[in-house]
All heavy atoms as atom14 arrays in JSON, in Angstrom:
{
  "sequence": "MQKEKLMQYLSEAIDKGLRISVASFSSNVNKEVAVEFAARLSD",
  "atom14_mask": [
    [1, 1, 1, 1, 1, 1, 1, 1, 0, 0, 0, 0, 0, 0],
    [1, 1, 1, 1, 1, 1, 1, 1, 1, 0, 0, 0, 0, 0],
    [1, 1, 1, 1, 1, 1, 1, 1, 1, 0, 0, 0, 0, 0],
    [1, 1, 1, 1, 1, 1, 1, 1, 1, 0, 0, 0, 0, 0],
    [1, 1, 1, 1, 1, 1, 1, 1, 1, 0, 0, 0, 0, 0],
    [1, 1, 1, 1, 1, 1, 1, 1, 0, 0, 0, 0, 0, 0],
    [1, 1, 1, 1, 1, 1, 1, 1, 0, 0, 0, 0, 0, 0],
    [1, 1, 1, 1, 1, 1, 1, 1, 1, 0, 0, 0, 0, 0],
    [1, 1, 1, 1, 1, 1, 1, 1, 1, 1, 1, 1, 0, 0],
    [1, 1, 1, 1, 1, 1, 1, 1, 0, 0, 0, 0, 0, 0],
    [1, 1, 1, 1, 1, 1, 0, 0, 0, 0, 0, 0, 0, 0],
    [1, 1, 1, 1, 1, 1, 1, 1, 1, 0, 0, 0, 0, 0],
    [1, 1, 1, 1, 1, 0, 0, 0, 0, 0, 0, 0, 0, 0],
    [1, 1, 1, 1, 1, 1, 1, 1, 0, 0, 0, 0, 0, 0],
    [1, 1, 1, 1, 1, 1, 1, 1, 0, 0, 0, 0, 0, 0],
    [1, 1, 1, 1, 1, 1, 1, 1, 1, 0, 0, 0, 0, 0],
    [1, 1, 1, 1, 0, 0, 0, 0, 0, 0, 0, 0, 0, 0],
    [1, 1, 1, 1, 1, 1, 1, 1, 0, 0, 0, 0, 0, 0],
    [1, 1, 1, 1, 1, 1, 1, 1, 1, 1, 1, 0, 0, 0],
    [1, 1, 1, 1, 1, 1, 1, 1, 0, 0, 0, 0, 0, 0],
    [1, 1, 1, 1, 1, 1, 0, 0, 0, 0, 0, 0, 0, 0],
    [1, 1, 1, 1, 1, 1, 1, 0, 0, 0, 0, 0, 0, 0],
    [1, 1, 1, 1, 1, 0, 0, 0, 0, 0, 0, 0, 0, 0],
    [1, 1, 1, 1, 1, 1, 0, 0, 0, 0, 0, 0, 0, 0],
    [1, 1, 1, 1, 1, 1, 1, 1, 1, 1, 1, 0, 0, 0],
    [1, 1, 1, 1, 1, 1, 0, 0, 0, 0, 0, 0, 0, 0],
    [1, 1, 1, 1, 1, 1, 0, 0, 0, 0, 0, 0, 0, 0],
    [1, 1, 1, 1, 1, 1, 1, 1, 0, 0, 0, 0, 0, 0],
    [1, 1, 1, 1, 1, 1, 1, 0, 0, 0, 0, 0, 0, 0],
    [1, 1, 1, 1, 1, 1, 1, 1, 0, 0, 0, 0, 0, 0],
    [1, 1, 1, 1, 1, 1, 1, 1, 1, 0, 0, 0, 0, 0],
    [1, 1, 1, 1, 1, 1, 1, 1, 1, 0, 0, 0, 0, 0],
    [1, 1, 1, 1, 1, 1, 1, 0, 0, 0, 0, 0, 0, 0],
    [1, 1, 1, 1, 1, 0, 0, 0, 0, 0, 0, 0, 0, 0],
    [1, 1, 1, 1, 1, 1, 1, 0, 0, 0, 0, 0, 0, 0],
    [1, 1, 1, 1, 1, 1, 1, 1, 1, 0, 0, 0, 0, 0],
    [1, 1, 1, 1, 1, 1, 1, 1, 1, 1, 1, 0, 0, 0],
    [1, 1, 1, 1, 1, 0, 0, 0, 0, 0, 0, 0, 0, 0],
    [1, 1, 1, 1, 1, 0, 0, 0, 0, 0, 0, 0, 0, 0],
    [1, 1, 1, 1, 1, 1, 1, 1, 1, 1, 1, 0, 0, 0],
    [1, 1, 1, 1, 1, 1, 1, 1, 0, 0, 0, 0, 0, 0],
    [1, 1, 1, 1, 1, 1, 0, 0, 0, 0, 0, 0, 0, 0],
    [1, 1, 1, 1, 1, 1, 1, 1, 0, 0, 0, 0, 0, 0]
  ],
  "atom14_positions": [
    [[4.94, 12.65, 6.44], [4.45, 12.3, 5.13], [3.03, 12.82, 4.99], [2.24, 12.72, 5.92], [4.48, 10.78, 4.96], [4.03, 10.33, 3.62], [4.0, 8.53, 3.36], [5.31, 7.91, 4.35], [0.0, 0.0, 0.0], [0.0, 0.0, 0.0], [0.0, 0.0, 0.0], [0.0, 0.0, 0.0], [0.0, 0.0, 0.0], [0.0, 0.0, 0.0]],
    [[2.71, 13.35, 3.84], [1.39, 13.91, 3.61], [0.57, 12.95, 2.73], [0.99, 12.63, 1.61], [1.5, 15.27, 2.96], [2.2, 16.27, 3.84], [2.32, 17.62, 3.16], [1.82, 17.83, 2.06], [2.99, 18.54, 3.81], [0.0, 0.0, 0.0], [0.0, 0.0, 0.0], [0.0, 0.0, 0.0], [0.0, 0.0, 0.0], [0.0, 0.0, 0.0]],
    [[-0.58, 12.55, 3.22], [-1.42, 11.58, 2.51], [-1.83, 12.07, 1.13], [-1.8, 11.32, 0.16], [-2.67, 11.26, 3.33], [-2.41, 10.38, 4.51], [-3.73, 10.08, 5.21], [-3.53, 9.29, 6.46], [-4.8, 9.01, 7.13], [0.0, 0.0, 0.0], [0.0, 0.0, 0.0], [0.0, 0.0, 0.0], [0.0, 0.0, 0.0], [0.0, 0.0, 0.0]],
    [[-2.23, 13.33, 1.02], [-2.69, 13.85, -0.26], [-1.59, 13.79, -1.32], [-1.83, 13.39, -2.46], [-3.21, 15.28, -0.12], [-4.52, 15.36, 0.63], [-4.99, 16.79, 0.82], [-4.55, 17.68, 0.08], [-5.81, 17.0, 1.73], [0.0, 0.0, 0.0], [0.0, 0.0, 0.0], [0.0, 0.0, 0.0], [0.0, 0.0, 0.0], [0.0, 0.0, 0.0]],
    [[-0.37, 14.18, -0.94], [0.75, 14.14, -1.88], [1.11, 12.69, -2.23], [1.46, 12.4, -3.37], [1.95, 14.87, -1.31], [1.79, 16.37, -1.33], [3.05, 17.05, -0.87], [2.9, 18.57, -0.95], [4.13, 19.26, -0.55], [0.0, 0.0, 0.0], [0.0, 0.0, 0.0], [0.0, 0.0, 0.0], [0.0, 0.0, 0.0], [0.0, 0.0, 0.0]],
    [[1.01, 11.81, -1.25], [1.28, 10.4, -1.51], [0.27, 9.83, -2.49], [0.63, 9.12, -3.43], [1.26, 9.6, -0.2], [1.42, 8.08, -0.35], [2.75, 7.74, -1.0], [1.29, 7.41, 1.01], [0.0, 0.0, 0.0], [0.0, 0.0, 0.0], [0.0, 0.0, 0.0], [0.0, 0.0, 0.0], [0.0, 0.0, 0.0], [0.0, 0.0, 0.0]],
    [[-1.0, 10.14, -2.32], [-2.04, 9.65, -3.23], [-1.83, 10.2, -4.64], [-1.99, 9.48, -5.62], [-3.44, 10.03, -2.73], [-3.85, 9.37, -1.43], [-3.9, 7.56, -1.59], [-2.47, 7.1, -0.65], [0.0, 0.0, 0.0], [0.0, 0.0, 0.0], [0.0, 0.0, 0.0], [0.0, 0.0, 0.0], [0.0, 0.0, 0.0], [0.0, 0.0, 0.0]],
    [[-1.43, 11.46, -4.75], [-1.15, 12.05, -6.06], [0.03, 11.34, -6.71], [0.01, 11.02, -7.89], [-0.87, 13.54, -5.92], [-0.56, 14.22, -7.24], [-0.25, 15.7, -7.08], [-0.29, 16.25, -5.99], [0.07, 16.35, -8.18], [0.0, 0.0, 0.0], [0.0, 0.0, 0.0], [0.0, 0.0, 0.0], [0.0, 0.0, 0.0], [0.0, 0.0, 0.0]],
    [[1.08, 11.11, -5.93], [2.27, 10.42, -6.42], [1.91, 9.03, -6.93], [2.32, 8.62, -8.02], [3.3, 10.34, -5.29], [4.52, 9.54, -5.62], [5.59, 10.11, -6.28], [4.61, 8.2, -5.24], [6.72, 9.37, -6.58], [5.73, 7.46, -5.54], [6.78, 8.05, -6.2], [7.89, 7.29, -6.49], [0.0, 0.0, 0.0], [0.0, 0.0, 0.0]],
    [[1.15, 8.27, -6.13], [0.77, 6.92, -6.53], [-0.1, 6.94, -7.78], [0.07, 6.11, -8.67], [0.04, 6.21, -5.38], [0.91, 5.87, -4.17], [0.04, 5.34, -3.04], [2.0, 4.88, -4.54], [0.0, 0.0, 0.0], [0.0, 0.0, 0.0], [0.0, 0.0, 0.0], [0.0, 0.0, 0.0], [0.0, 0.0, 0.0], [0.0, 0.0, 0.0]],
    [[-1.01, 7.88, -7.86], [-1.87, 8.0, -9.03], [-1.04, 8.25, -10.29], [-1.26, 7.62, -11.34], [-2.88, 9.13, -8.83], [-3.69, 9.28, -9.96], [0.0, 0.0, 0.0], [0.0, 0.0, 0.0], [0.0, 0.0, 0.0], [0.0, 0.0, 0.0], [0.0, 0.0, 0.0], [0.0, 0.0, 0.0], [0.0, 0.0, 0.0], [0.0, 0.0, 0.0]],
    [[-0.08, 9.15, -10.2], [0.78, 9.44, -11.35], [1.63, 8.23, -11.72], [1.82, 7.94, -12.91], [1.66, 10.65, -11.05], [0.88, 11.95, -10.99], [1.72, 13.14, -10.54], [2.97, 13.03, -10.5], [1.12, 14.18, -10.22], [0.0, 0.0, 0.0], [0.0, 0.0, 0.0], [0.0, 0.0, 0.0], [0.0, 0.0, 0.0], [0.0, 0.0, 0.0]],
    [[2.13, 7.52, -10.72], [2.94, 6.33, -10.98], [2.12, 5.26, -11.69], [2.59, 4.63, -12.64], [3.53, 5.79, -9.68], [0.0, 0.0, 0.0], [0.0, 0.0, 0.0], [0.0, 0.0, 0.0], [0.0, 0.0, 0.0], [0.0, 0.0, 0.0], [0.0, 0.0, 0.0], [0.0, 0.0, 0.0], [0.0, 0.0, 0.0], [0.0, 0.0, 0.0]],
    [[0.89, 5.06, -11.25], [0.01, 4.07, -11.87], [-0.3, 4.48, -13.31], [-0.26, 3.66, -14.22], [-1.28, 3.9, -11.04], [-0.93, 3.22, -9.71], [-2.33, 3.12, -11.81], [-2.03, 3.28, -8.67], [0.0, 0.0, 0.0], [0.0, 0.0, 0.0], [0.0, 0.0, 0.0], [0.0, 0.0, 0.0], [0.0, 0.0, 0.0], [0.0, 0.0, 0.0]],
    [[-0.59, 5.78, -13.51], [-0.88, 6.28, -14.86], [0.29, 6.05, -15.82], [0.09, 5.84, -17.02], [-1.24, 7.76, -14.83], [-2.59, 8.02, -14.19], [-3.38, 7.06, -14.01], [-2.86, 9.19, -13.84], [0.0, 0.0, 0.0], [0.0, 0.0, 0.0], [0.0, 0.0, 0.0], [0.0, 0.0, 0.0], [0.0, 0.0, 0.0], [0.0, 0.0, 0.0]],
    [[1.51, 6.09, -15.31], [2.71, 5.89, -16.14], [3.06, 4.4, -16.29], [4.03, 4.05, -16.95], [3.89, 6.62, -15.53], [3.67, 8.12, -15.45], [4.73, 8.85, -16.2], [4.57, 10.33, -16.01], [4.09, 10.98, -17.19], [0.0, 0.0, 0.0], [0.0, 0.0, 0.0], [0.0, 0.0, 0.0], [0.0, 0.0, 0.0], [0.0, 0.0, 0.0]],
    [[2.27, 3.52, -15.64], [2.5, 2.08, -15.76], [3.6, 1.55, -14.86], [4.1, 0.45, -15.08], [0.0, 0.0, 0.0], [0.0, 0.0, 0.0], [0.0, 0.0, 0.0], [0.0, 0.0, 0.0], [0.0, 0.0, 0.0], [0.0, 0.0, 0.0], [0.0, 0.0, 0.0], [0.0, 0.0, 0.0], [0.0, 0.0, 0.0], [0.0, 0.0, 0.0]],
    [[4.0, 2.32, -13.85], [5.04, 1.86, -12.94], [4.49, 0.79, -12.0], [3.32, 0.78, -11.66], [5.58, 3.03, -12.12], [6.22, 4.17, -12.93], [6.65, 5.28, -12.0], [7.39, 3.66, -13.75], [0.0, 0.0, 0.0], [0.0, 0.0, 0.0], [0.0, 0.0, 0.0], [0.0, 0.0, 0.0], [0.0, 0.0, 0.0], [0.0, 0.0, 0.0]],
    [[5.36, -0.09, -11.55], [5.0, -1.14, -10.6], [5.05, -0.56, -9.19], [6.04, 0.05, -8.81], [5.96, -2.31, -10.73], [5.59, -3.49, -9.88], [6.51, -4.67, -10.23], [6.15, -5.84, -9.49], [5.17, -6.66, -9.83], [4.47, -6.45, -10.89], [4.91, -7.72, -9.09], [0.0, 0.0, 0.0], [0.0, 0.0, 0.0], [0.0, 0.0, 0.0]],
    [[4.0, -0.78, -8.42], [3.91, -0.3, -7.05], [4.1, -1.49, -6.11], [3.47, -2.54, -6.29], [2.54, 0.35, -6.76], [2.22, 1.45, -7.75], [2.46, 0.83, -5.32], [3.14, 2.64, -7.7], [0.0, 0.0, 0.0], [0.0, 0.0, 0.0], [0.0, 0.0, 0.0], [0.0, 0.0, 0.0], [0.0, 0.0, 0.0], [0.0, 0.0, 0.0]],
    [[4.97, -1.33, -5.11], [5.22, -2.38, -4.13], [4.97, -1.84, -2.74], [5.46, -0.77, -2.39], [6.67, -2.86, -4.28], [6.92, -3.91, -3.39], [0.0, 0.0, 0.0], [0.0, 0.0, 0.0], [0.0, 0.0, 0.0], [0.0, 0.0, 0.0], [0.0, 0.0, 0.0], [0.0, 0.0, 0.0], [0.0, 0.0, 0.0], [0.0, 0.0, 0.0]],
    [[4.22, -2.6, -1.95], [3.88, -2.23, -0.58], [4.44, -3.3, 0.34], [4.32, -4.5, 0.05], [2.34, -2.17, -0.4], [1.98, -1.85, 1.04], [1.72, -1.18, -1.36], [0.0, 0.0, 0.0], [0.0, 0.0, 0.0], [0.0, 0.0, 0.0], [0.0, 0.0, 0.0], [0.0, 0.0, 0.0], [0.0, 0.0, 0.0], [0.0, 0.0, 0.0]],
    [[5.05, -2.89, 1.44], [5.56, -3.86, 2.4], [5.29, -3.38, 3.81], [5.44, -2.21, 4.11], [7.06, -4.08, 2.21], [0.0, 0.0, 0.0], [0.0, 0.0, 0.0], [0.0, 0.0, 0.0], [0.0, 0.0, 0.0], [0.0, 0.0, 0.0], [0.0, 0.0, 0.0], [0.0, 0.0, 0.0], [0.0, 0.0, 0.0], [0.0, 0.0, 0.0]],
    [[4.87, -4.3, 4.66], [4.65, -4.01, 6.07], [5.55, -4.92, 6.89], [5.41, -6.14, 6.83], [3.19, -4.25, 6.46], [3.06, -4.19, 7.86], [0.0, 0.0, 0.0], [0.0, 0.0, 0.0], [0.0, 0.0, 0.0], [0.0, 0.0, 0.0], [0.0, 0.0, 0.0], [0.0, 0.0, 0.0], [0.0, 0.0, 0.0], [0.0, 0.0, 0.0]],
    [[6.47, -4.31, 7.62], [7.42, -5.07, 8.43], [7.2, -4.85, 9.92], [8.05, -5.15, 10.73], [8.86, -4.69, 8.08], [9.24, -5.04, 6.68], [9.28, -4.07, 5.7], [9.56, -6.33, 6.34], [9.64, -4.38, 4.4], [9.91, -6.66, 5.04], [9.95, -5.67, 4.07], [0.0, 0.0, 0.0], [0.0, 0.0, 0.0], [0.0, 0.0, 0.0]],
    [[6.07, -4.28, 10.31], [5.81, -3.92, 11.69], [5.83, -5.14, 12.6], [5.25, -6.18, 12.28], [4.45, -3.22, 11.8], [4.19, -2.89, 13.14], [0.0, 0.0, 0.0], [0.0, 0.0, 0.0], [0.0, 0.0, 0.0], [0.0, 0.0, 0.0], [0.0, 0.0, 0.0], [0.0, 0.0, 0.0], [0.0, 0.0, 0.0], [0.0, 0.0, 0.0]],
    [[6.47, -5.0, 13.75], [6.53, -6.11, 14.69], [5.32, -6.17, 15.61], [5.2, -7.1, 16.39], [7.81, -6.0, 15.53], [7.79, -4.8, 16.28], [0.0, 0.0, 0.0], [0.0, 0.0, 0.0], [0.0, 0.0, 0.0], [0.0, 0.0, 0.0], [0.0, 0.0, 0.0], [0.0, 0.0, 0.0], [0.0, 0.0, 0.0], [0.0, 0.0, 0.0]],
    [[4.42, -5.18, 15.52], [3.25, -5.21, 16.4], [1.97, -5.54, 15.64], [0.89, -5.26, 16.1], [3.1, -3.88, 17.14], [2.8, -2.72, 16.22], [2.99, -2.83, 15.02], [2.35, -1.62, 16.77], [0.0, 0.0, 0.0], [0.0, 0.0, 0.0], [0.0, 0.0, 0.0], [0.0, 0.0, 0.0], [0.0, 0.0, 0.0], [0.0, 0.0, 0.0]],
    [[2.1, -6.15, 14.46], [0.94, -6.53, 13.66], [0.68, -8.02, 13.84], [1.58, -8.84, 13.71], [1.17, -6.21, 12.17], [0.07, -6.77, 11.3], [1.29, -4.72, 11.97], [0.0, 0.0, 0.0], [0.0, 0.0, 0.0], [0.0, 0.0, 0.0], [0.0, 0.0, 0.0], [0.0, 0.0, 0.0], [0.0, 0.0, 0.0], [0.0, 0.0, 0.0]],
    [[-0.58, -8.36, 14.14], [-0.91, -9.77, 14.27], [-1.38, -10.33, 12.93], [-1.51, -9.61, 11.94], [-1.96, -9.99, 15.37], [-3.29, -9.33, 15.07], [-3.63, -9.06, 13.93], [-4.06, -9.09, 16.12], [0.0, 0.0, 0.0], [0.0, 0.0, 0.0], [0.0, 0.0, 0.0], [0.0, 0.0, 0.0], [0.0, 0.0, 0.0], [0.0, 0.0, 0.0]],
    [[-1.62, -11.61, 12.9], [-1.97, -12.3, 11.66], [-3.27, -11.76, 11.06], [-3.38, -11.61, 9.84], [-2.1, -13.8, 11.94], [-2.38, -14.63, 10.72], [-2.38, -16.12, 11.06], [-2.58, -16.96, 9.82], [-2.48, -18.4, 10.11], [0.0, 0.0, 0.0], [0.0, 0.0, 0.0], [0.0, 0.0, 0.0], [0.0, 0.0, 0.0], [0.0, 0.0, 0.0]],
    [[-4.25, -11.44, 11.9], [-5.55, -10.97, 11.41], [-5.42, -9.64, 10.67], [-6.03, -9.43, 9.62], [-6.55, -10.83, 12.57], [-6.98, -12.17, 13.15], [-5.95, -12.81, 14.07], [-5.06, -12.11, 14.6], [-6.0, -14.05, 14.23], [0.0, 0.0, 0.0], [0.0, 0.0, 0.0], [0.0, 0.0, 0.0], [0.0, 0.0, 0.0], [0.0, 0.0, 0.0]],
    [[-4.61, -8.73, 11.19], [-4.41, -7.43, 10.54], [-3.65, -7.62, 9.23], [-4.0, -7.04, 8.21], [-3.67, -6.45, 11.48], [-3.27, -5.18, 10.75], [-4.53, -6.12, 12.7], [0.0, 0.0, 0.0], [0.0, 0.0, 0.0], [0.0, 0.0, 0.0], [0.0, 0.0, 0.0], [0.0, 0.0, 0.0], [0.0, 0.0, 0.0], [0.0, 0.0, 0.0]],
    [[-2.62, -8.43, 9.26], [-1.82, -8.67, 8.05], [-2.67, -9.27, 6.94], [-2.6, -8.84, 5.79], [-0.63, -9.58, 8.38], [0.0, 0.0, 0.0], [0.0, 0.0, 0.0], [0.0, 0.0, 0.0], [0.0, 0.0, 0.0], [0.0, 0.0, 0.0], [0.0, 0.0, 0.0], [0.0, 0.0, 0.0], [0.0, 0.0, 0.0], [0.0, 0.0, 0.0]],
    [[-3.5, -10.26, 7.27], [-4.32, -10.89, 6.23], [-5.41, -9.94, 5.73], [-5.77, -9.96, 4.56], [-4.9, -12.24, 6.69], [-6.06, -12.07, 7.65], [-5.32, -13.07, 5.49], [0.0, 0.0, 0.0], [0.0, 0.0, 0.0], [0.0, 0.0, 0.0], [0.0, 0.0, 0.0], [0.0, 0.0, 0.0], [0.0, 0.0, 0.0], [0.0, 0.0, 0.0]],
    [[-5.92, -9.08, 6.6], [-6.93, -8.1, 6.18], [-6.36, -7.16, 5.11], [-6.97, -6.95, 4.06], [-7.42, -7.28, 7.36], [-8.36, -6.16, 6.95], [-8.65, -5.17, 8.07], [-8.42, -5.49, 9.25], [-9.1, -4.06, 7.74], [0.0, 0.0, 0.0], [0.0, 0.0, 0.0], [0.0, 0.0, 0.0], [0.0, 0.0, 0.0], [0.0, 0.0, 0.0]],
    [[-5.17, -6.63, 5.37], [-4.57, -5.7, 4.41], [-4.11, -6.43, 3.15], [-4.2, -5.88, 2.05], [-3.45, -4.9, 5.06], [-3.98, -3.72, 5.82], [-4.38, -3.85, 7.13], [-4.12, -2.49, 5.2], [-4.91, -2.78, 7.82], [-4.64, -1.41, 5.88], [-5.05, -1.55, 7.2], [0.0, 0.0, 0.0], [0.0, 0.0, 0.0], [0.0, 0.0, 0.0]],
    [[-3.65, -7.65, 3.29], [-3.28, -8.44, 2.1], [-4.51, -8.72, 1.25], [-4.44, -8.62, 0.01], [-2.61, -9.74, 2.52], [0.0, 0.0, 0.0], [0.0, 0.0, 0.0], [0.0, 0.0, 0.0], [0.0, 0.0, 0.0], [0.0, 0.0, 0.0], [0.0, 0.0, 0.0], [0.0, 0.0, 0.0], [0.0, 0.0, 0.0], [0.0, 0.0, 0.0]],
    [[-5.63, -9.03, 1.87], [-6.86, -9.3, 1.12], [-7.35, -8.06, 0.39], [-7.79, -8.14, -0.76], [-7.94, -9.82, 2.07], [0.0, 0.0, 0.0], [0.0, 0.0, 0.0], [0.0, 0.0, 0.0], [0.0, 0.0, 0.0], [0.0, 0.0, 0.0], [0.0, 0.0, 0.0], [0.0, 0.0, 0.0], [0.0, 0.0, 0.0], [0.0, 0.0, 0.0]],
    [[-7.25, -6.91, 1.03], [-7.65, -5.66, 0.38], [-6.76, -5.36, -0.82], [-7.24, -4.95, -1.88], [-7.64, -4.53, 1.39], [-8.78, -4.66, 2.41], [-8.67, -3.72, 3.57], [-8.74, -2.33, 3.16], [-8.53, -1.31, 3.98], [-8.27, -1.52, 5.26], [-8.61, -0.07, 3.55], [0.0, 0.0, 0.0], [0.0, 0.0, 0.0], [0.0, 0.0, 0.0]],
    [[-5.45, -5.57, -0.66], [-4.54, -5.36, -1.79], [-4.8, -6.39, -2.89], [-4.73, -6.07, -4.07], [-3.08, -5.42, -1.32], [-2.07, -5.03, -2.38], [-2.19, -3.55, -2.74], [-0.66, -5.35, -1.92], [0.0, 0.0, 0.0], [0.0, 0.0, 0.0], [0.0, 0.0, 0.0], [0.0, 0.0, 0.0], [0.0, 0.0, 0.0], [0.0, 0.0, 0.0]],
    [[-5.13, -7.6, -2.49], [-5.45, -8.65, -3.45], [-6.61, -8.24, -4.35], [-6.56, -8.45, -5.57], [-5.81, -9.94, -2.7], [-6.28, -10.92, -3.58], [0.0, 0.0, 0.0], [0.0, 0.0, 0.0], [0.0, 0.0, 0.0], [0.0, 0.0, 0.0], [0.0, 0.0, 0.0], [0.0, 0.0, 0.0], [0.0, 0.0, 0.0], [0.0, 0.0, 0.0]],
    [[-7.63, -7.63, -3.77], [-8.76, -7.14, -4.56], [-8.31, -6.08, -5.56], [-8.72, -6.09, -6.72], [-9.85, -6.56, -3.66], [-10.61, -7.64, -2.9], [-10.55, -8.82, -3.3], [-11.27, -7.29, -1.9], [0.0, 0.0, 0.0], [0.0, 0.0, 0.0], [0.0, 0.0, 0.0], [0.0, 0.0, 0.0], [0.0, 0.0, 0.0], [0.0, 0.0, 0.0]]
  ]
}
């Protein structure tokens, strides 16, 4: 996956008013990492 293309895709989706959903299902993530990323998305 290419970050630049992903950022362009997300930007276009947001401009069109599409709903963006992010999910992390990793089994090696602890509570501190999960809450950090949730807080950033919350902002």
